[in-house]
Amino acid sequence: MTKAFRKVMEEFGTGKKILFLGSEAVCLPFAELLAYACRDLGDSFYFAPGGEPGKAVELRYRSPYGFQTGRRVKPGKADILVVMGG
């Protein structure tokens, strides 16, 4: 799953703003996993629980822990929207 996601993200180039929309608690770990797979592509990652952009938080890489939620943000216009099931 992570290799396929990364391949698609590489096709869109670097420096993208990626917004994950998904269920709270269930989808967040998967968004963090997918962000980790693309951590070196220079992209910015955000997660909006319940599909509500007004509740979005940034996903930031924190060594040695991996991706974690950061501050609440207004992501603005995303380059890529990832709708997750859950």
PDB file of N, CA and C in Angstrom:
ATOM      1  N   MET A   1       0.817  -1.183   0.000  1.00  0.00           N
ATOM      2  CA  MET A   1       0.000   0.000   0.000  1.00  0.00           C
ATOM      3  C   MET A   1       0.871   1.263   0.000  1.00  0.00           C
ATOM      4  N   THR A   2       1.906   1.288   0.823  1.00  0.00           N
ATOM      5  CA  THR A   2       2.743   2.486   0.906  1.00  0.00           C
ATOM      6  C   THR A   2       3.547   2.701  -0.369  1.00  0.00           C
ATOM      7  N   LYS A   3       4.024   1.626  -0.974  1.00  0.00           N
ATOM      8  CA  LYS A   3       4.798   1.769  -2.215  1.00  0.00           C
ATOM      9  C   LYS A   3       3.931   2.304  -3.339  1.00  0.00           C
ATOM     10  N   ALA A   4       2.697   1.820  -3.436  1.00  0.00           N
ATOM     11  CA  ALA A   4       1.779   2.290  -4.479  1.00  0.00           C
ATOM     12  C   ALA A   4       1.431   3.765  -4.265  1.00  0.00           C
ATOM     13  N   PHE A   5       1.192   4.151  -3.017  1.00  0.00           N
ATOM     14  CA  PHE A   5       0.873   5.543  -2.713  1.00  0.00           C
ATOM     15  C   PHE A   5       2.052   6.443  -3.058  1.00  0.00           C
ATOM     16  N   ARG A   6       3.239   6.030  -2.672  1.00  0.00           N
ATOM     17  CA  ARG A   6       4.427   6.834  -2.962  1.00  0.00           C
ATOM     18  C   ARG A   6       4.617   7.010  -4.462  1.00  0.00           C
ATOM     19  N   LYS A   7       4.415   5.948  -5.216  1.00  0.00           N
ATOM     20  CA  LYS A   7       4.586   6.021  -6.672  1.00  0.00           C
ATOM     21  C   LYS A   7       3.644   7.067  -7.272  1.00  0.00           C
ATOM     22  N   VAL A   8       2.403   7.072  -6.819  1.00  0.00           N
ATOM     23  CA  VAL A   8       1.445   8.066  -7.307  1.00  0.00           C
ATOM     24  C   VAL A   8       1.887   9.471  -6.909  1.00  0.00           C
ATOM     25  N   MET A   9       2.332   9.654  -5.672  1.00  0.00           N
ATOM     26  CA  MET A   9       2.772  10.971  -5.212  1.00  0.00           C
ATOM     27  C   MET A   9       3.989  11.459  -5.994  1.00  0.00           C
ATOM     28  N   GLU A  10       4.890  10.556  -6.342  1.00  0.00           N
ATOM     29  CA  GLU A  10       6.063  10.931  -7.134  1.00  0.00           C
ATOM     30  C   GLU A  10       5.655  11.446  -8.506  1.00  0.00           C
ATOM     31  N   GLU A  11       4.595  10.889  -9.073  1.00  0.00           N
ATOM     32  CA  GLU A  11       4.128  11.319 -10.393  1.00  0.00           C
ATOM     33  C   GLU A  11       3.609  12.750 -10.374  1.00  0.00           C
ATOM     34  N   PHE A  12       3.163  13.226  -9.222  1.00  0.00           N
ATOM     35  CA  PHE A  12       2.662  14.595  -9.102  1.00  0.00           C
ATOM     36  C   PHE A  12       3.772  15.606  -8.817  1.00  0.00           C
ATOM     37  N   GLY A  13       4.998  15.150  -8.604  1.00  0.00           N
ATOM     38  CA  GLY A  13       6.104  16.052  -8.325  1.00  0.00           C
ATOM     39  C   GLY A  13       6.270  16.317  -6.836  1.00  0.00           C
ATOM     40  N   THR A  14       7.148  17.253  -6.511  1.00  0.00           N
ATOM     41  CA  THR A  14       7.471  17.535  -5.108  1.00  0.00           C
ATOM     42  C   THR A  14       6.808  18.825  -4.630  1.00  0.00           C
ATOM     43  N   GLY A  15       6.846  19.014  -3.327  1.00  0.00           N
ATOM     44  CA  GLY A  15       6.355  20.256  -2.735  1.00  0.00           C
ATOM     45  C   GLY A  15       4.846  20.413  -2.726  1.00  0.00           C
ATOM     46  N   LYS A  16       4.129  19.311  -2.664  1.00  0.00           N
ATOM     47  CA  LYS A  16       2.671  19.350  -2.696  1.00  0.00           C
ATOM     48  C   LYS A  16       2.089  19.536  -1.296  1.00  0.00           C
ATOM     49  N   LYS A  17       0.870  20.069  -1.249  1.00  0.00           N
ATOM     50  CA  LYS A  17       0.095  20.151  -0.017  1.00  0.00           C
ATOM     51  C   LYS A  17      -0.939  19.033  -0.097  1.00  0.00           C
ATOM     52  N   ILE A  18      -0.827  18.049   0.809  1.00  0.00           N
ATOM     53  CA  ILE A  18      -1.675  16.861   0.777  1.00  0.00           C
ATOM     54  C   ILE A  18      -2.575  16.860   2.007  1.00  0.00           C
ATOM     55  N   LEU A  19      -3.883  16.791   1.768  1.00  0.00           N
ATOM     56  CA  LEU A  19      -4.864  16.796   2.849  1.00  0.00           C
ATOM     57  C   LEU A  19      -5.575  15.449   2.885  1.00  0.00           C
ATOM     58  N   PHE A  20      -5.448  14.758   4.004  1.00  0.00           N
ATOM     59  CA  PHE A  20      -6.151  13.500   4.236  1.00  0.00           C
ATOM     60  C   PHE A  20      -7.472  13.813   4.940  1.00  0.00           C
ATOM     61  N   LEU A  21      -8.565  13.240   4.445  1.00  0.00           N
ATOM     62  CA  LEU A  21      -9.871  13.349   5.089  1.00  0.00           C
ATOM     63  C   LEU A  21     -10.255  11.964   5.564  1.00  0.00           C
ATOM     64  N   GLY A  22     -10.592  11.819   6.833  1.00  0.00           N
ATOM     65  CA  GLY A  22     -10.930  10.488   7.325  1.00  0.00           C
ATOM     66  C   GLY A  22     -11.556  10.510   8.702  1.00  0.00           C
ATOM     67  N   SER A  23     -11.973   9.337   9.123  1.00  0.00           N
ATOM     68  CA  SER A  23     -12.586   9.177  10.442  1.00  0.00           C
ATOM     69  C   SER A  23     -11.559   9.448  11.537  1.00  0.00           C
ATOM     70  N   GLU A  24     -12.034  10.068  12.597  1.00  0.00           N
ATOM     71  CA  GLU A  24     -11.119  10.311  13.713  1.00  0.00           C
ATOM     72  C   GLU A  24     -10.683   8.973  14.306  1.00  0.00           C
ATOM     73  N   ALA A  25      -9.514   8.936  14.800  1.00  0.00           N
ATOM     74  CA  ALA A  25      -8.896   7.777  15.457  1.00  0.00           C
ATOM     75  C   ALA A  25      -8.541   6.656  14.489  1.00  0.00           C
ATOM     76  N   VAL A  26      -9.468   6.199  13.668  1.00  0.00           N
ATOM     77  CA  VAL A  26      -9.219   5.046  12.799  1.00  0.00           C
ATOM     78  C   VAL A  26      -8.327   5.401  11.608  1.00  0.00           C
ATOM     79  N   CYS A  27      -8.609   6.484  10.927  1.00  0.00           N
ATOM     80  CA  CYS A  27      -7.881   6.822   9.700  1.00  0.00           C
ATOM     81  C   CYS A  27      -6.553   7.537   9.952  1.00  0.00           C
ATOM     82  N   LEU A  28      -6.443   8.204  11.082  1.00  0.00           N
ATOM     83  CA  LEU A  28      -5.230   8.973  11.365  1.00  0.00           C
ATOM     84  C   LEU A  28      -3.952   8.140  11.291  1.00  0.00           C
ATOM     85  N   PRO A  29      -3.874   6.948  11.894  1.00  0.00           N
ATOM     86  CA  PRO A  29      -2.635   6.171  11.791  1.00  0.00           C
ATOM     87  C   PRO A  29      -2.279   5.801  10.344  1.00  0.00           C
ATOM     88  N   PHE A  30      -3.291   5.580   9.517  1.00  0.00           N
ATOM     89  CA  PHE A  30      -3.025   5.266   8.113  1.00  0.00           C
ATOM     90  C   PHE A  30      -2.514   6.496   7.369  1.00  0.00           C
ATOM     91  N   ALA A  31      -3.055   7.667   7.689  1.00  0.00           N
ATOM     92  CA  ALA A  31      -2.560   8.904   7.090  1.00  0.00           C
ATOM     93  C   ALA A  31      -1.101   9.132   7.487  1.00  0.00           C
ATOM     94  N   GLU A  32      -0.780   8.863   8.747  1.00  0.00           N
ATOM     95  CA  GLU A  32       0.604   9.010   9.209  1.00  0.00           C
ATOM     96  C   GLU A  32       1.524   8.023   8.497  1.00  0.00           C
ATOM     97  N   LEU A  33       1.054   6.808   8.281  1.00  0.00           N
ATOM     98  CA  LEU A  33       1.842   5.799   7.579  1.00  0.00           C
ATOM     99  C   LEU A  33       2.094   6.207   6.131  1.00  0.00           C
ATOM    100  N   LEU A  34       1.067   6.692   5.453  1.00  0.00           N
ATOM    101  CA  LEU A  34       1.227   7.117   4.061  1.00  0.00           C
ATOM    102  C   LEU A  34       2.130   8.347   3.964  1.00  0.00           C
ATOM    103  N   ALA A  35       2.009   9.257   4.912  1.00  0.00           N
ATOM    104  CA  ALA A  35       2.892  10.423   4.934  1.00  0.00           C
ATOM    105  C   ALA A  35       4.342   9.983   5.131  1.00  0.00           C
ATOM    106  N   TYR A  36       4.543   9.003   5.993  1.00  0.00           N
ATOM    107  CA  TYR A  36       5.896   8.494   6.233  1.00  0.00           C
ATOM    108  C   TYR A  36       6.508   7.940   4.949  1.00  0.00           C
ATOM    109  N   ALA A  37       5.702   7.278   4.145  1.00  0.00           N
ATOM    110  CA  ALA A  37       6.201   6.701   2.895  1.00  0.00           C
ATOM    111  C   ALA A  37       6.693   7.776   1.933  1.00  0.00           C
ATOM    112  N   CYS A  38       6.224   9.007   2.117  1.00  0.00           N
ATOM    113  CA  CYS A  38       6.587  10.110   1.210  1.00  0.00           C
ATOM    114  C   CYS A  38       7.391  11.197   1.918  1.00  0.00           C
ATOM    115  N   ARG A  39       7.946  10.874   3.060  1.00  0.00           N
ATOM    116  CA  ARG A  39       8.580  11.880   3.921  1.00  0.00           C
ATOM    117  C   ARG A  39       9.707  12.656   3.262  1.00  0.00           C
ATOM    118  N   ASP A  40      10.349  12.095   2.248  1.00  0.00           N
ATOM    119  CA  ASP A  40      11.493  12.766   1.622  1.00  0.00           C
ATOM    120  C   ASP A  40      11.134  13.450   0.307  1.00  0.00           C
ATOM    121  N   LEU A  41       9.851  13.626   0.024  1.00  0.00           N
ATOM    122  CA  LEU A  41       9.429  14.252  -1.231  1.00  0.00           C
ATOM    123  C   LEU A  41       9.190  15.757  -1.099  1.00  0.00           C
ATOM    124  N   GLY A  42       9.382  16.301   0.092  1.00  0.00           N
ATOM    125  CA  GLY A  42       9.219  17.740   0.285  1.00  0.00           C
ATOM    126  C   GLY A  42       7.773  18.208   0.335  1.00  0.00           C
ATOM    127  N   ASP A  43       6.864  17.307   0.679  1.00  0.00           N
ATOM    128  CA  ASP A  43       5.448  17.646   0.728  1.00  0.00           C
ATOM    129  C   ASP A  43       5.030  18.086   2.130  1.00  0.00           C
ATOM    130  N   SER A  44       3.880  18.754   2.217  1.00  0.00           N
ATOM    131  CA  SER A  44       3.260  19.114   3.491  1.00  0.00           C
ATOM    132  C   SER A  44       2.019  18.252   3.647  1.00  0.00           C
ATOM    133  N   PHE A  45       1.804  17.733   4.847  1.00  0.00           N
ATOM    134  CA  PHE A  45       0.699  16.807   5.090  1.00  0.00           C
ATOM    135  C   PHE A  45      -0.226  17.352   6.174  1.00  0.00           C
ATOM    136  N   TYR A  46      -1.528  17.126   5.965  1.00  0.00           N
ATOM    137  CA  TYR A  46      -2.550  17.583   6.900  1.00  0.00           C
ATOM    138  C   TYR A  46      -3.606  16.493   7.041  1.00  0.00           C
ATOM    139  N   PHE A  47      -4.284  16.472   8.184  1.00  0.00           N
ATOM    140  CA  PHE A  47      -5.358  15.507   8.416  1.00  0.00           C
ATOM    141  C   PHE A  47      -6.572  16.248   8.952  1.00  0.00           C
ATOM    142  N   ALA A  48      -7.736  15.994   8.339  1.00  0.00           N
ATOM    143  CA  ALA A  48      -8.985  16.607   8.783  1.00  0.00           C
ATOM    144  C   ALA A  48      -9.938  15.506   9.236  1.00  0.00           C
ATOM    145  N   PRO A  49     -10.170  15.381  10.550  1.00  0.00           N
ATOM    146  CA  PRO A  49     -11.064  14.333  11.047  1.00  0.00           C
ATOM    147  C   PRO A  49     -12.507  14.606  10.631  1.00  0.00           C
ATOM    148  N   GLY A  50     -13.195  13.532  10.278  1.00  0.00           N
ATOM    149  CA  GLY A  50     -14.591  13.667   9.890  1.00  0.00           C
ATOM    150  C   GLY A  50     -14.788  14.430   8.593  1.00  0.00           C
ATOM    151  N   GLY A  51     -13.722  14.605   7.839  1.00  0.00           N
ATOM    152  CA  GLY A  51     -13.822  15.337   6.580  1.00  0.00           C
ATOM    153  C   GLY A  51     -14.083  16.820   6.750  1.00  0.00           C
ATOM    154  N   GLU A  52     -13.760  17.362   7.918  1.00  0.00           N
ATOM    155  CA  GLU A  52     -13.994  18.770   8.200  1.00  0.00           C
ATOM    156  C   GLU A  52     -12.683  19.551   8.152  1.00  0.00           C
ATOM    157  N   PRO A  53     -12.413  20.253   7.046  1.00  0.00           N
ATOM    158  CA  PRO A  53     -11.155  21.004   6.930  1.00  0.00           C
ATOM    159  C   PRO A  53     -10.942  22.010   8.059  1.00  0.00           C
ATOM    160  N   GLY A  54     -12.014  22.492   8.673  1.00  0.00           N
ATOM    161  CA  GLY A  54     -11.891  23.435   9.780  1.00  0.00           C
ATOM    162  C   GLY A  54     -11.267  22.831  11.030  1.00  0.00           C
ATOM    163  N   LYS A  55     -11.179  21.500  11.077  1.00  0.00           N
ATOM    164  CA  LYS A  55     -10.560  20.812  12.215  1.00  0.00           C
ATOM    165  C   LYS A  55      -9.202  20.222  11.849  1.00  0.00           C
ATOM    166  N   ALA A  56      -8.641  20.649  10.743  1.00  0.00           N
ATOM    167  CA  ALA A  56      -7.392  20.064  10.245  1.00  0.00           C
ATOM    168  C   ALA A  56      -6.207  20.346  11.165  1.00  0.00           C
ATOM    169  N   VAL A  57      -5.319  19.367  11.220  1.00  0.00           N
ATOM    170  CA  VAL A  57      -4.047  19.511  11.925  1.00  0.00           C
ATOM    171  C   VAL A  57      -2.929  19.150  10.955  1.00  0.00           C
ATOM    172  N   GLU A  58      -1.765  19.713  11.192  1.00  0.00           N
ATOM    173  CA  GLU A  58      -0.625  19.332  10.366  1.00  0.00           C
ATOM    174  C   GLU A  58      -0.086  17.995  10.849  1.00  0.00           C
ATOM    175  N   LEU A  59       0.490  17.247   9.934  1.00  0.00           N
ATOM    176  CA  LEU A  59       1.204  16.019  10.279  1.00  0.00           C
ATOM    177  C   LEU A  59       2.677  16.331  10.097  1.00  0.00           C
ATOM    178  N   ARG A  60       3.443  16.199  11.164  1.00  0.00           N
ATOM    179  CA  ARG A  60       4.866  16.552  11.123  1.00  0.00           C
ATOM    180  C   ARG A  60       5.712  15.360  11.503  1.00  0.00           C
ATOM    181  N   TYR A  61       6.848  15.246  10.830  1.00  0.00           N
ATOM    182  CA  TYR A  61       7.781  14.163  11.137  1.00  0.00           C
ATOM    183  C   TYR A  61       8.641  14.580  12.319  1.00  0.00           C
ATOM    184  N   ARG A  62       8.638  13.746  13.349  1.00  0.00           N
ATOM    185  CA  ARG A  62       9.444  14.010  14.542  1.00  0.00           C
ATOM    186  C   ARG A  62      10.305  12.786  14.825  1.00  0.00           C
ATOM    187  N   SER A  63      11.577  12.924  14.532  1.00  0.00           N
ATOM    188  CA  SER A  63      12.516  11.826  14.759  1.00  0.00           C
ATOM    189  C   SER A  63      12.721  11.668  16.264  1.00  0.00           C
ATOM    190  N   PRO A  64      12.764  10.511  16.794  1.00  0.00           N
ATOM    191  CA  PRO A  64      12.703   9.189  16.183  1.00  0.00           C
ATOM    192  C   PRO A  64      11.309   8.571  16.243  1.00  0.00           C
ATOM    193  N   TYR A  65      10.259   9.384  16.350  1.00  0.00           N
ATOM    194  CA  TYR A  65       8.914   8.864  16.575  1.00  0.00           C
ATOM    195  C   TYR A  65       8.077   8.689  15.316  1.00  0.00           C
ATOM    196  N   GLY A  66       8.439   9.349  14.241  1.00  0.00           N
ATOM    197  CA  GLY A  66       7.647   9.278  13.016  1.00  0.00           C
ATOM    198  C   GLY A  66       6.688  10.456  12.918  1.00  0.00           C
ATOM    199  N   PHE A  67       5.671  10.308  12.103  1.00  0.00           N
ATOM    200  CA  PHE A  67       4.697  11.381  11.917  1.00  0.00           C
ATOM    201  C   PHE A  67       3.734  11.430  13.086  1.00  0.00           C
ATOM    202  N   GLN A  68       3.456  12.664  13.528  1.00  0.00           N
ATOM    203  CA  GLN A  68       2.515  12.904  14.614  1.00  0.00           C
ATOM    204  C   GLN A  68       1.717  14.152  14.287  1.00  0.00           C
ATOM    205  N   THR A  69       0.576  14.283  14.945  1.00  0.00           N
ATOM    206  CA  THR A  69      -0.211  15.486  14.719  1.00  0.00           C
ATOM    207  C   THR A  69       0.492  16.680  15.335  1.00  0.00           C
ATOM    208  N   GLY A  70       0.370  17.786  14.651  1.00  0.00           N
ATOM    209  CA  GLY A  70       0.933  19.040  15.120  1.00  0.00           C
ATOM    210  C   GLY A  70      -0.188  20.007  15.455  1.00  0.00           C
ATOM    211  N   ARG A  71       0.077  21.251  15.238  1.00  0.00           N
ATOM    212  CA  ARG A  71      -0.898  22.283  15.592  1.00  0.00           C
ATOM    213  C   ARG A  71      -2.090  22.266  14.637  1.00  0.00           C
ATOM    214  N   ARG A  72      -3.165  22.842  15.100  1.00  0.00           N
ATOM    215  CA  ARG A  72      -4.354  22.987  14.263  1.00  0.00           C
ATOM    216  C   ARG A  72      -4.077  24.076  13.234  1.00  0.00           C
ATOM    217  N   VAL A  73      -4.466  23.823  11.994  1.00  0.00           N
ATOM    218  CA  VAL A  73      -4.159  24.756  10.911  1.00  0.00           C
ATOM    219  C   VAL A  73      -5.357  24.905   9.978  1.00  0.00           C
ATOM    220  N   LYS A  74      -5.289  25.936   9.167  1.00  0.00           N
ATOM    221  CA  LYS A  74      -6.205  26.087   8.040  1.00  0.00           C
ATOM    222  C   LYS A  74      -5.373  25.752   6.810  1.00  0.00           C
ATOM    223  N   PRO A  75      -5.517  24.544   6.278  1.00  0.00           N
ATOM    224  CA  PRO A  75      -4.622  24.113   5.202  1.00  0.00           C
ATOM    225  C   PRO A  75      -4.781  24.879   3.901  1.00  0.00           C
ATOM    226  N   GLY A  76      -5.865  25.609   3.738  1.00  0.00           N
ATOM    227  CA  GLY A  76      -6.067  26.317   2.483  1.00  0.00           C
ATOM    228  C   GLY A  76      -6.334  25.336   1.355  1.00  0.00           C
ATOM    229  N   LYS A  77      -5.949  25.721   0.169  1.00  0.00           N
ATOM    230  CA  LYS A  77      -6.199  24.868  -0.994  1.00  0.00           C
ATOM    231  C   LYS A  77      -5.163  23.751  -1.058  1.00  0.00           C
ATOM    232  N   ALA A  78      -5.645  22.523  -1.011  1.00  0.00           N
ATOM    233  CA  ALA A  78      -4.749  21.363  -1.097  1.00  0.00           C
ATOM    234  C   ALA A  78      -4.486  21.029  -2.561  1.00  0.00           C
ATOM    235  N   ASP A  79      -3.276  20.562  -2.835  1.00  0.00           N
ATOM    236  CA  ASP A  79      -2.948  20.080  -4.178  1.00  0.00           C
ATOM    237  C   ASP A  79      -3.529  18.694  -4.402  1.00  0.00           C
ATOM    238  N   ILE A  80      -3.537  17.901  -3.341  1.00  0.00           N
ATOM    239  CA  ILE A  80      -4.050  16.530  -3.424  1.00  0.00           C
ATOM    240  C   ILE A  80      -4.941  16.281  -2.212  1.00  0.00           C
ATOM    241  N   LEU A  81      -6.117  15.734  -2.475  1.00  0.00           N
ATOM    242  CA  LEU A  81      -7.070  15.386  -1.431  1.00  0.00           C
ATOM    243  C   LEU A  81      -7.178  13.871  -1.388  1.00  0.00           C
ATOM    244  N   VAL A  82      -6.894  13.290  -0.226  1.00  0.00           N
ATOM    245  CA  VAL A  82      -6.962  11.839  -0.053  1.00  0.00           C
ATOM    246  C   VAL A  82      -8.162  11.537   0.843  1.00  0.00           C
ATOM    247  N   VAL A  83      -9.192  10.918   0.261  1.00  0.00           N
ATOM    248  CA  VAL A  83     -10.390  10.564   1.012  1.00  0.00           C
ATOM    249  C   VAL A  83     -10.223   9.127   1.484  1.00  0.00           C
ATOM    250  N   MET A  84     -10.225   8.947   2.790  1.00  0.00           N
ATOM    251  CA  MET A  84      -9.985   7.633   3.377  1.00  0.00           C
ATOM    252  C   MET A  84     -11.304   7.022   3.829  1.00  0.00           C
ATOM    253  N   GLY A  85     -11.415   5.717   3.724  1.00  0.00           N
ATOM    254  CA  GLY A  85     -12.608   5.024   4.212  1.00  0.00           C
ATOM    255  C   GLY A  85     -12.446   4.703   5.685  1.00  0.00           C
ATOM    256  N   GLY A  86     -13.526   4.595   6.386  1.00  0.00           N
ATOM    257  CA  GLY A  86     -13.398   4.256   7.794  1.00  0.00           C
ATOM    258  C   GLY A  86     -14.682   4.438   8.529  1.00  0.00           C
TER     259      GLY A  86
END
